[in-house]
PDB file of N, CA and C in Angstrom:
ATOM      1  N   MET A   1      25.958  48.428   4.696  1.00  0.00           N
ATOM      2  CA  MET A   1      25.038  47.324   4.443  1.00  0.00           C
ATOM      3  C   MET A   1      24.571  47.305   2.988  1.00  0.00           C
ATOM      4  N   GLU A   2      24.561  48.455   2.329  1.00  0.00           N
ATOM      5  CA  GLU A   2      24.091  48.499   0.933  1.00  0.00           C
ATOM      6  C   GLU A   2      25.034  47.752  -0.014  1.00  0.00           C
ATOM      7  N   CYS A   3      26.234  47.424   0.425  1.00  0.00           N
ATOM      8  CA  CYS A   3      27.192  46.684  -0.405  1.00  0.00           C
ATOM      9  C   CYS A   3      27.332  45.219   0.020  1.00  0.00           C
ATOM     10  N   LEU A   4      26.482  44.765   0.931  1.00  0.00           N
ATOM     11  CA  LEU A   4      26.533  43.387   1.401  1.00  0.00           C
ATOM     12  C   LEU A   4      25.486  42.569   0.655  1.00  0.00           C
ATOM     13  N   TYR A   5      25.934  41.486   0.042  1.00  0.00           N
ATOM     14  CA  TYR A   5      25.042  40.624  -0.720  1.00  0.00           C
ATOM     15  C   TYR A   5      25.045  39.228  -0.122  1.00  0.00           C
ATOM     16  N   ALA A   6      23.916  38.568  -0.163  1.00  0.00           N
ATOM     17  CA  ALA A   6      23.788  37.192   0.313  1.00  0.00           C
ATOM     18  C   ALA A   6      23.296  36.321  -0.840  1.00  0.00           C
ATOM     19  N   ASP A   7      23.707  35.066  -0.831  1.00  0.00           N
ATOM     20  CA  ASP A   7      23.370  34.135  -1.906  1.00  0.00           C
ATOM     21  C   ASP A   7      23.078  32.762  -1.309  1.00  0.00           C
ATOM     22  N   PRO A   8      21.928  32.624  -0.620  1.00  0.00           N
ATOM     23  CA  PRO A   8      21.639  31.366   0.063  1.00  0.00           C
ATOM     24  C   PRO A   8      21.574  30.150  -0.873  1.00  0.00           C
ATOM     25  N   GLU A   9      21.267  30.350  -2.128  1.00  0.00           N
ATOM     26  CA  GLU A   9      21.226  29.233  -3.078  1.00  0.00           C
ATOM     27  C   GLU A   9      22.594  28.973  -3.700  1.00  0.00           C
ATOM     28  N   ARG A  10      23.582  29.790  -3.374  1.00  0.00           N
ATOM     29  CA  ARG A  10      24.966  29.658  -3.832  1.00  0.00           C
ATOM     30  C   ARG A  10      25.082  29.673  -5.358  1.00  0.00           C
ATOM     31  N   ARG A  11      24.267  30.439  -6.024  1.00  0.00           N
ATOM     32  CA  ARG A  11      24.339  30.554  -7.489  1.00  0.00           C
ATOM     33  C   ARG A  11      25.614  31.252  -7.942  1.00  0.00           C
ATOM     34  N   ALA A  12      26.079  32.190  -7.150  1.00  0.00           N
ATOM     35  CA  ALA A  12      27.281  32.946  -7.517  1.00  0.00           C
ATOM     36  C   ALA A  12      28.511  32.042  -7.583  1.00  0.00           C
ATOM     37  N   TYR A  13      28.549  31.000  -6.763  1.00  0.00           N
ATOM     38  CA  TYR A  13      29.695  30.080  -6.799  1.00  0.00           C
ATOM     39  C   TYR A  13      29.846  29.473  -8.190  1.00  0.00           C
ATOM     40  N   ASP A  14      28.729  29.022  -8.755  1.00  0.00           N
ATOM     41  CA  ASP A  14      28.774  28.446 -10.103  1.00  0.00           C
ATOM     42  C   ASP A  14      29.120  29.506 -11.133  1.00  0.00           C
ATOM     43  N   LEU A  15      28.495  30.657 -11.022  1.00  0.00           N
ATOM     44  CA  LEU A  15      28.733  31.737 -11.967  1.00  0.00           C
ATOM     45  C   LEU A  15      30.210  32.163 -11.988  1.00  0.00           C
ATOM     46  N   LEU A  16      30.823  32.186 -10.810  1.00  0.00           N
ATOM     47  CA  LEU A  16      32.214  32.597 -10.703  1.00  0.00           C
ATOM     48  C   LEU A  16      33.194  31.445 -10.934  1.00  0.00           C
ATOM     49  N   GLY A  17      32.675  30.238 -11.110  1.00  0.00           N
ATOM     50  CA  GLY A  17      33.527  29.084 -11.383  1.00  0.00           C
ATOM     51  C   GLY A  17      34.361  28.648 -10.193  1.00  0.00           C
ATOM     52  N   LEU A  18      33.815  28.831  -8.988  1.00  0.00           N
ATOM     53  CA  LEU A  18      34.559  28.448  -7.796  1.00  0.00           C
ATOM     54  C   LEU A  18      34.556  26.926  -7.631  1.00  0.00           C
ATOM     55  N   TYR A  19      35.621  26.418  -7.026  1.00  0.00           N
ATOM     56  CA  TYR A  19      35.818  24.977  -6.916  1.00  0.00           C
ATOM     57  C   TYR A  19      34.884  24.344  -5.903  1.00  0.00           C
ATOM     58  N   TYR A  20      34.555  23.077  -6.169  1.00  0.00           N
ATOM     59  CA  TYR A  20      33.630  22.335  -5.323  1.00  0.00           C
ATOM     60  C   TYR A  20      34.019  20.861  -5.348  1.00  0.00           C
ATOM     61  N   GLY A  21      33.883  20.196  -4.236  1.00  0.00           N
ATOM     62  CA  GLY A  21      34.040  18.750  -4.235  1.00  0.00           C
ATOM     63  C   GLY A  21      34.875  18.211  -3.098  1.00  0.00           C
ATOM     64  N   LEU A  22      34.777  16.911  -2.921  1.00  0.00           N
ATOM     65  CA  LEU A  22      35.474  16.202  -1.861  1.00  0.00           C
ATOM     66  C   LEU A  22      36.986  16.316  -2.016  1.00  0.00           C
ATOM     67  N   GLY A  23      37.465  16.135  -3.232  1.00  0.00           N
ATOM     68  CA  GLY A  23      38.902  16.216  -3.482  1.00  0.00           C
ATOM     69  C   GLY A  23      39.472  17.578  -3.162  1.00  0.00           C
ATOM     70  N   ARG A  24      38.783  18.629  -3.588  1.00  0.00           N
ATOM     71  CA  ARG A  24      39.236  20.003  -3.316  1.00  0.00           C
ATOM     72  C   ARG A  24      39.207  20.301  -1.825  1.00  0.00           C
ATOM     73  N   THR A  25      38.243  19.760  -1.126  1.00  0.00           N
ATOM     74  CA  THR A  25      38.070  20.076   0.283  1.00  0.00           C
ATOM     75  C   THR A  25      39.078  19.356   1.165  1.00  0.00           C
ATOM     76  N   PHE A  26      39.308  18.073   0.891  1.00  0.00           N
ATOM     77  CA  PHE A  26      40.131  17.286   1.804  1.00  0.00           C
ATOM     78  C   PHE A  26      41.461  16.794   1.233  1.00  0.00           C
ATOM     79  N   PHE A  27      41.579  16.672  -0.076  1.00  0.00           N
ATOM     80  CA  PHE A  27      42.765  16.025  -0.635  1.00  0.00           C
ATOM     81  C   PHE A  27      43.587  16.934  -1.551  1.00  0.00           C
ATOM     82  N   ASN A  28      43.363  18.208  -1.493  1.00  0.00           N
ATOM     83  CA  ASN A  28      44.100  19.157  -2.304  1.00  0.00           C
ATOM     84  C   ASN A  28      45.320  19.624  -1.515  1.00  0.00           C
ATOM     85  N   PRO A  29      46.489  19.747  -2.157  1.00  0.00           N
ATOM     86  CA  PRO A  29      47.669  20.235  -1.424  1.00  0.00           C
ATOM     87  C   PRO A  29      47.429  21.573  -0.715  1.00  0.00           C
ATOM     88  N   ALA A  30      46.573  22.411  -1.267  1.00  0.00           N
ATOM     89  CA  ALA A  30      46.283  23.705  -0.631  1.00  0.00           C
ATOM     90  C   ALA A  30      45.543  23.531   0.689  1.00  0.00           C
ATOM     91  N   SER A  31      44.884  22.385   0.878  1.00  0.00           N
ATOM     92  CA  SER A  31      44.129  22.128   2.110  1.00  0.00           C
ATOM     93  C   SER A  31      45.024  21.629   3.242  1.00  0.00           C
ATOM     94  N   THR A  32      46.208  21.170   2.924  1.00  0.00           N
ATOM     95  CA  THR A  32      47.057  20.572   3.955  1.00  0.00           C
ATOM     96  C   THR A  32      47.433  21.548   5.060  1.00  0.00           C
ATOM     97  N   LYS A  33      47.543  22.833   4.743  1.00  0.00           N
ATOM     98  CA  LYS A  33      47.944  23.778   5.796  1.00  0.00           C
ATOM     99  C   LYS A  33      46.902  23.874   6.895  1.00  0.00           C
ATOM    100  N   VAL A  34      45.620  23.768   6.566  1.00  0.00           N
ATOM    101  CA  VAL A  34      44.598  23.845   7.612  1.00  0.00           C
ATOM    102  C   VAL A  34      44.559  22.543   8.401  1.00  0.00           C
ATOM    103  N   PHE A  35      44.753  21.413   7.742  1.00  0.00           N
ATOM    104  CA  PHE A  35      44.721  20.146   8.450  1.00  0.00           C
ATOM    105  C   PHE A  35      45.998  19.905   9.251  1.00  0.00           C
ATOM    106  N   SER A  36      47.068  20.626   8.933  1.00  0.00           N
ATOM    107  CA  SER A  36      48.299  20.514   9.708  1.00  0.00           C
ATOM    108  C   SER A  36      48.135  21.171  11.080  1.00  0.00           C
ATOM    109  N   ARG A  37      47.111  21.989  11.226  1.00  0.00           N
ATOM    110  CA  ARG A  37      46.808  22.625  12.517  1.00  0.00           C
ATOM    111  C   ARG A  37      45.641  21.907  13.181  1.00  0.00           C
ATOM    112  N   PHE A  38      45.681  20.569  13.172  1.00  0.00           N
ATOM    113  CA  PHE A  38      44.559  19.753  13.627  1.00  0.00           C
ATOM    114  C   PHE A  38      44.141  20.070  15.057  1.00  0.00           C
ATOM    115  N   GLU A  39      45.092  20.250  15.972  1.00  0.00           N
ATOM    116  CA  GLU A  39      44.733  20.524  17.370  1.00  0.00           C
ATOM    117  C   GLU A  39      43.960  21.830  17.494  1.00  0.00           C
ATOM    118  N   SER A  40      44.378  22.873  16.785  1.00  0.00           N
ATOM    119  CA  SER A  40      43.655  24.148  16.805  1.00  0.00           C
ATOM    120  C   SER A  40      42.273  23.979  16.202  1.00  0.00           C
ATOM    121  N   LEU A  41      42.193  23.205  15.125  1.00  0.00           N
ATOM    122  CA  LEU A  41      40.911  22.946  14.470  1.00  0.00           C
ATOM    123  C   LEU A  41      39.985  22.189  15.409  1.00  0.00           C
ATOM    124  N   LYS A  42      40.517  21.219  16.123  1.00  0.00           N
ATOM    125  CA  LYS A  42      39.725  20.436  17.070  1.00  0.00           C
ATOM    126  C   LYS A  42      39.153  21.336  18.168  1.00  0.00           C
ATOM    127  N   MET A  43      39.966  22.248  18.690  1.00  0.00           N
ATOM    128  CA  MET A  43      39.489  23.171  19.726  1.00  0.00           C
ATOM    129  C   MET A  43      38.403  24.094  19.178  1.00  0.00           C
ATOM    130  N   ALA A  44      38.580  24.558  17.937  1.00  0.00           N
ATOM    131  CA  ALA A  44      37.590  25.452  17.335  1.00  0.00           C
ATOM    132  C   ALA A  44      36.260  24.738  17.121  1.00  0.00           C
ATOM    133  N   MET A  45      36.302  23.424  16.962  1.00  0.00           N
ATOM    134  CA  MET A  45      35.090  22.656  16.672  1.00  0.00           C
ATOM    135  C   MET A  45      34.383  22.156  17.929  1.00  0.00           C
ATOM    136  N   GLU A  46      34.919  22.419  19.111  1.00  0.00           N
ATOM    137  CA  GLU A  46      34.346  21.891  20.350  1.00  0.00           C
ATOM    138  C   GLU A  46      32.884  22.257  20.527  1.00  0.00           C
ATOM    139  N   ASN A  47      32.506  23.454  20.165  1.00  0.00           N
ATOM    140  CA  ASN A  47      31.124  23.900  20.348  1.00  0.00           C
ATOM    141  C   ASN A  47      30.282  23.766  19.089  1.00  0.00           C
ATOM    142  N   TYR A  48      30.837  23.130  18.060  1.00  0.00           N
ATOM    143  CA  TYR A  48      30.112  22.955  16.795  1.00  0.00           C
ATOM    144  C   TYR A  48      29.000  21.936  16.980  1.00  0.00           C
ATOM    145  N   THR A  49      27.839  22.259  16.437  1.00  0.00           N
ATOM    146  CA  THR A  49      26.731  21.302  16.426  1.00  0.00           C
ATOM    147  C   THR A  49      26.204  21.188  15.004  1.00  0.00           C
ATOM    148  N   ILE A  50      25.663  20.052  14.687  1.00  0.00           N
ATOM    149  CA  ILE A  50      25.122  19.823  13.354  1.00  0.00           C
ATOM    150  C   ILE A  50      23.935  20.775  13.098  1.00  0.00           C
ATOM    151  N   GLN A  51      23.310  21.270  14.158  1.00  0.00           N
ATOM    152  CA  GLN A  51      22.193  22.202  13.993  1.00  0.00           C
ATOM    153  C   GLN A  51      22.629  23.499  13.329  1.00  0.00           C
ATOM    154  N   ALA A  52      23.902  23.825  13.438  1.00  0.00           N
ATOM    155  CA  ALA A  52      24.414  25.054  12.833  1.00  0.00           C
ATOM    156  C   ALA A  52      24.714  24.880  11.349  1.00  0.00           C
ATOM    157  N   THR A  53      24.618  23.653  10.859  1.00  0.00           N
ATOM    158  CA  THR A  53      24.939  23.353   9.465  1.00  0.00           C
ATOM    159  C   THR A  53      23.695  23.531   8.608  1.00  0.00           C
ATOM    160  N   PRO A  54      23.830  24.100   7.424  1.00  0.00           N
ATOM    161  CA  PRO A  54      22.662  24.226   6.534  1.00  0.00           C
ATOM    162  C   PRO A  54      22.062  22.858   6.213  1.00  0.00           C
ATOM    163  N   ASN A  55      20.792  22.833   5.855  1.00  0.00           N
ATOM    164  CA  ASN A  55      20.136  21.575   5.502  1.00  0.00           C
ATOM    165  C   ASN A  55      20.864  20.860   4.375  1.00  0.00           C
ATOM    166  N   ASP A  56      21.364  21.610   3.422  1.00  0.00           N
ATOM    167  CA  ASP A  56      22.130  21.041   2.317  1.00  0.00           C
ATOM    168  C   ASP A  56      23.577  20.924   2.774  1.00  0.00           C
ATOM    169  N   ARG A  57      23.930  19.799   3.351  1.00  0.00           N
ATOM    170  CA  ARG A  57      25.260  19.627   3.943  1.00  0.00           C
ATOM    171  C   ARG A  57      26.362  19.544   2.901  1.00  0.00           C
ATOM    172  N   SER A  58      26.002  19.422   1.640  1.00  0.00           N
ATOM    173  CA  SER A  58      27.031  19.399   0.606  1.00  0.00           C
ATOM    174  C   SER A  58      27.733  20.755   0.501  1.00  0.00           C
ATOM    175  N   SER A  59      27.151  21.786   1.111  1.00  0.00           N
ATOM    176  CA  SER A  59      27.760  23.115   1.055  1.00  0.00           C
ATOM    177  C   SER A  59      29.121  23.151   1.724  1.00  0.00           C
ATOM    178  N   VAL A  60      29.428  22.192   2.598  1.00  0.00           N
ATOM    179  CA  VAL A  60      30.735  22.175   3.242  1.00  0.00           C
ATOM    180  C   VAL A  60      31.839  21.828   2.243  1.00  0.00           C
ATOM    181  N   LEU A  61      31.478  21.335   1.067  1.00  0.00           N
ATOM    182  CA  LEU A  61      32.451  20.990   0.035  1.00  0.00           C
ATOM    183  C   LEU A  61      32.706  22.146  -0.931  1.00  0.00           C
ATOM    184  N   GLN A  62      32.052  23.283  -0.694  1.00  0.00           N
ATOM    185  CA  GLN A  62      32.180  24.445  -1.577  1.00  0.00           C
ATOM    186  C   GLN A  62      33.361  25.293  -1.158  1.00  0.00           C
ATOM    187  N   GLN A  63      34.265  25.550  -2.094  1.00  0.00           N
ATOM    188  CA  GLN A  63      35.384  26.445  -1.834  1.00  0.00           C
ATOM    189  C   GLN A  63      34.974  27.866  -2.217  1.00  0.00           C
ATOM    190  N   GLY A  64      35.568  28.820  -1.582  1.00  0.00           N
ATOM    191  CA  GLY A  64      35.225  30.219  -1.822  1.00  0.00           C
ATOM    192  C   GLY A  64      36.244  30.937  -2.675  1.00  0.00           C
ATOM    193  N   GLY A  65      36.286  32.215  -2.503  1.00  0.00           N
ATOM    194  CA  GLY A  65      37.220  33.043  -3.244  1.00  0.00           C
ATOM    195  C   GLY A  65      37.131  34.474  -2.761  1.00  0.00           C
ATOM    196  N   MET A  66      37.935  35.330  -3.375  1.00  0.00           N
ATOM    197  CA  MET A  66      37.928  36.755  -3.034  1.00  0.00           C
ATOM    198  C   MET A  66      37.804  37.544  -4.328  1.00  0.00           C
ATOM    199  N   PHE A  67      36.835  38.423  -4.340  1.00  0.00           N
ATOM    200  CA  PHE A  67      36.590  39.259  -5.506  1.00  0.00           C
ATOM    201  C   PHE A  67      36.409  40.685  -5.029  1.00  0.00           C
ATOM    202  N   VAL A  68      37.155  41.600  -5.619  1.00  0.00           N
ATOM    203  CA  VAL A  68      37.070  43.014  -5.260  1.00  0.00           C
ATOM    204  C   VAL A  68      36.581  43.769  -6.484  1.00  0.00           C
ATOM    205  N   PHE A  69      35.503  44.480  -6.303  1.00  0.00           N
ATOM    206  CA  PHE A  69      34.913  45.271  -7.377  1.00  0.00           C
ATOM    207  C   PHE A  69      34.941  46.746  -7.014  1.00  0.00           C
ATOM    208  N   LYS A  70      35.038  47.572  -8.021  1.00  0.00           N
ATOM    209  CA  LYS A  70      34.792  49.008  -7.866  1.00  0.00           C
ATOM    210  C   LYS A  70      33.675  49.290  -8.846  1.00  0.00           C
ATOM    211  N   GLY A  71      32.481  49.421  -8.298  1.00  0.00           N
ATOM    212  CA  GLY A  71      31.304  49.493  -9.162  1.00  0.00           C
ATOM    213  C   GLY A  71      31.162  48.156  -9.875  1.00  0.00           C
ATOM    214  N   LYS A  72      31.113  48.181 -11.178  1.00  0.00           N
ATOM    215  CA  LYS A  72      31.004  46.942 -11.957  1.00  0.00           C
ATOM    216  C   LYS A  72      32.362  46.434 -12.446  1.00  0.00           C
ATOM    217  N   LYS A  73      33.434  47.176 -12.140  1.00  0.00           N
ATOM    218  CA  LYS A  73      34.763  46.797 -12.602  1.00  0.00           C
ATOM    219  C   LYS A  73      35.409  45.822 -11.608  1.00  0.00           C
ATOM    220  N   LEU A  74      35.861  44.682 -12.110  1.00  0.00           N
ATOM    221  CA  LEU A  74      36.546  43.693 -11.284  1.00  0.00           C
ATOM    222  C   LEU A  74      38.005  44.107 -11.118  1.00  0.00           C
ATOM    223  N   LEU A  75      38.419  44.347  -9.858  1.00  0.00           N
ATOM    224  CA  LEU A  75      39.782  44.766  -9.568  1.00  0.00           C
ATOM    225  C   LEU A  75      40.680  43.597  -9.169  1.00  0.00           C
ATOM    226  N   TYR A  76      40.102  42.570  -8.583  1.00  0.00           N
ATOM    227  CA  TYR A  76      40.886  41.449  -8.083  1.00  0.00           C
ATOM    228  C   TYR A  76      39.993  40.219  -8.040  1.00  0.00           C
ATOM    229  N   ALA A  77      40.560  39.088  -8.456  1.00  0.00           N
ATOM    230  CA  ALA A  77      39.828  37.821  -8.394  1.00  0.00           C
ATOM    231  C   ALA A  77      40.787  36.704  -8.028  1.00  0.00           C
ATOM    232  N   ARG A  78      40.376  35.877  -7.091  1.00  0.00           N
ATOM    233  CA  ARG A  78      41.175  34.715  -6.708  1.00  0.00           C
ATOM    234  C   ARG A  78      40.255  33.627  -6.188  1.00  0.00           C
ATOM    235  N   LYS A  79      40.411  32.427  -6.713  1.00  0.00           N
ATOM    236  CA  LYS A  79      39.643  31.259  -6.264  1.00  0.00           C
ATOM    237  C   LYS A  79      40.452  30.527  -5.203  1.00  0.00           C
ATOM    238  N   ASP A  80      39.804  30.144  -4.103  1.00  0.00           N
ATOM    239  CA  ASP A  80      40.465  29.335  -3.090  1.00  0.00           C
ATOM    240  C   ASP A  80      40.659  27.935  -3.668  1.00  0.00           C
ATOM    241  N   GLU A  81      41.890  27.444  -3.607  1.00  0.00           N
ATOM    242  CA  GLU A  81      42.211  26.124  -4.151  1.00  0.00           C
ATOM    243  C   GLU A  81      41.706  24.995  -3.268  1.00  0.00           C
ATOM    244  N   GLY A  82      41.629  25.232  -1.952  1.00  0.00           N
ATOM    245  CA  GLY A  82      41.202  24.203  -1.013  1.00  0.00           C
ATOM    246  C   GLY A  82      40.829  24.835   0.311  1.00  0.00           C
ATOM    247  N   THR A  83      40.537  23.986   1.290  1.00  0.00           N
ATOM    248  CA  THR A  83      40.142  24.436   2.616  1.00  0.00           C
ATOM    249  C   THR A  83      41.269  25.243   3.255  1.00  0.00           C
ATOM    250  N   GLY A  84      40.955  26.432   3.726  1.00  0.00           N
ATOM    251  CA  GLY A  84      41.943  27.262   4.402  1.00  0.00           C
ATOM    252  C   GLY A  84      42.876  28.012   3.471  1.00  0.00           C
ATOM    253  N   ASP A  85      42.659  27.911   2.180  1.00  0.00           N
ATOM    254  CA  ASP A  85      43.485  28.628   1.204  1.00  0.00           C
ATOM    255  C   ASP A  85      42.776  29.928   0.870  1.00  0.00           C
ATOM    256  N   HIS A  86      43.313  31.025   1.370  1.00  0.00           N
ATOM    257  CA  HIS A  86      42.653  32.318   1.201  1.00  0.00           C
ATOM    258  C   HIS A  86      43.571  33.312   0.505  1.00  0.00           C
ATOM    259  N   ALA A  87      42.979  34.324  -0.048  1.00  0.00           N
ATOM    260  CA  ALA A  87      43.733  35.378  -0.729  1.00  0.00           C
ATOM    261  C   ALA A  87      44.658  36.073   0.261  1.00  0.00           C
ATOM    262  N   PRO A  88      45.907  36.319  -0.134  1.00  0.00           N
ATOM    263  CA  PRO A  88      46.802  37.094   0.725  1.00  0.00           C
ATOM    264  C   PRO A  88      46.258  38.515   0.901  1.00  0.00           C
ATOM    265  N   LEU A  89      46.159  38.946   2.141  1.00  0.00           N
ATOM    266  CA  LEU A  89      45.581  40.273   2.411  1.00  0.00           C
ATOM    267  C   LEU A  89      46.364  41.387   1.744  1.00  0.00           C
ATOM    268  N   ASP A  90      47.676  41.255   1.641  1.00  0.00           N
ATOM    269  CA  ASP A  90      48.454  42.291   0.959  1.00  0.00           C
ATOM    270  C   ASP A  90      47.999  42.447  -0.488  1.00  0.00           C
ATOM    271  N   ASP A  91      47.694  41.332  -1.144  1.00  0.00           N
ATOM    272  CA  ASP A  91      47.206  41.394  -2.525  1.00  0.00           C
ATOM    273  C   ASP A  91      45.842  42.070  -2.602  1.00  0.00           C
ATOM    274  N   VAL A  92      44.984  41.740  -1.650  1.00  0.00           N
ATOM    275  CA  VAL A  92      43.637  42.327  -1.630  1.00  0.00           C
ATOM    276  C   VAL A  92      43.723  43.827  -1.371  1.00  0.00           C
ATOM    277  N   PHE A  93      44.516  44.216  -0.360  1.00  0.00           N
ATOM    278  CA  PHE A  93      44.675  45.639  -0.052  1.00  0.00           C
ATOM    279  C   PHE A  93      45.303  46.386  -1.225  1.00  0.00           C
ATOM    280  N   SER A  94      46.253  45.749  -1.871  1.00  0.00           N
ATOM    281  CA  SER A  94      46.893  46.372  -3.035  1.00  0.00           C
ATOM    282  C   SER A  94      45.869  46.612  -4.138  1.00  0.00           C
ATOM    283  N   ALA A  95      44.998  45.647  -4.357  1.00  0.00           N
ATOM    284  CA  ALA A  95      43.951  45.809  -5.374  1.00  0.00           C
ATOM    285  C   ALA A  95      43.009  46.949  -5.009  1.00  0.00           C
ATOM    286  N   CYS A  96      42.833  47.155  -3.736  1.00  0.00           N
ATOM    287  CA  CYS A  96      41.968  48.244  -3.266  1.00  0.00           C
ATOM    288  C   CYS A  96      42.711  49.560  -3.140  1.00  0.00           C
ATOM    289  N   ASN A  97      44.011  49.533  -3.433  1.00  0.00           N
ATOM    290  CA  ASN A  97      44.871  50.710  -3.278  1.00  0.00           C
ATOM    291  C   ASN A  97      44.870  51.218  -1.847  1.00  0.00           C
ATOM    292  N   VAL A  98      44.885  50.289  -0.913  1.00  0.00           N
ATOM    293  CA  VAL A  98      44.910  50.633   0.512  1.00  0.00           C
ATOM    294  C   VAL A  98      46.304  50.349   1.036  1.00  0.00           C
ATOM    295  N   SER A  99      46.885  51.285   1.702  1.00  0.00           N
ATOM    296  CA  SER A  99      48.198  51.111   2.297  1.00  0.00           C
ATOM    297  C   SER A  99      48.093  50.279   3.554  1.00  0.00           C
ATOM    298  N   VAL A 100      48.969  49.287   3.683  1.00  0.00           N
ATOM    299  CA  VAL A 100      49.017  48.452   4.889  1.00  0.00           C
ATOM    300  C   VAL A 100      50.245  48.896   5.674  1.00  0.00           C
ATOM    301  N   ALA A 101      50.028  49.823   6.598  1.00  0.00           N
ATOM    302  CA  ALA A 101      51.180  50.328   7.366  1.00  0.00           C
ATOM    303  C   ALA A 101      50.948  50.229   8.831  1.00  0.00           C
TER     304      ALA A 101
END
């Protein structure tokens, strides 16, 4: 838990230069893979309620990323290009020097 950080105001997104916006979320080629699984997405959303959404609904347009640090040293950085575009786990594990066997 001592290595878990929260950022409810999402300041780190700006600091890290992560992508944001309608185009990145819905119209980016990197987003097409998640929308190509529409039926699975529809099933996952069956129990979704607007009450679970933060008051600032623009947060759904925020893309994330993966950053691996060792202390203050940045070992790996990758910005998600669009919805459902995530860092390959092999790359992340490699940056952490963890064997995937």
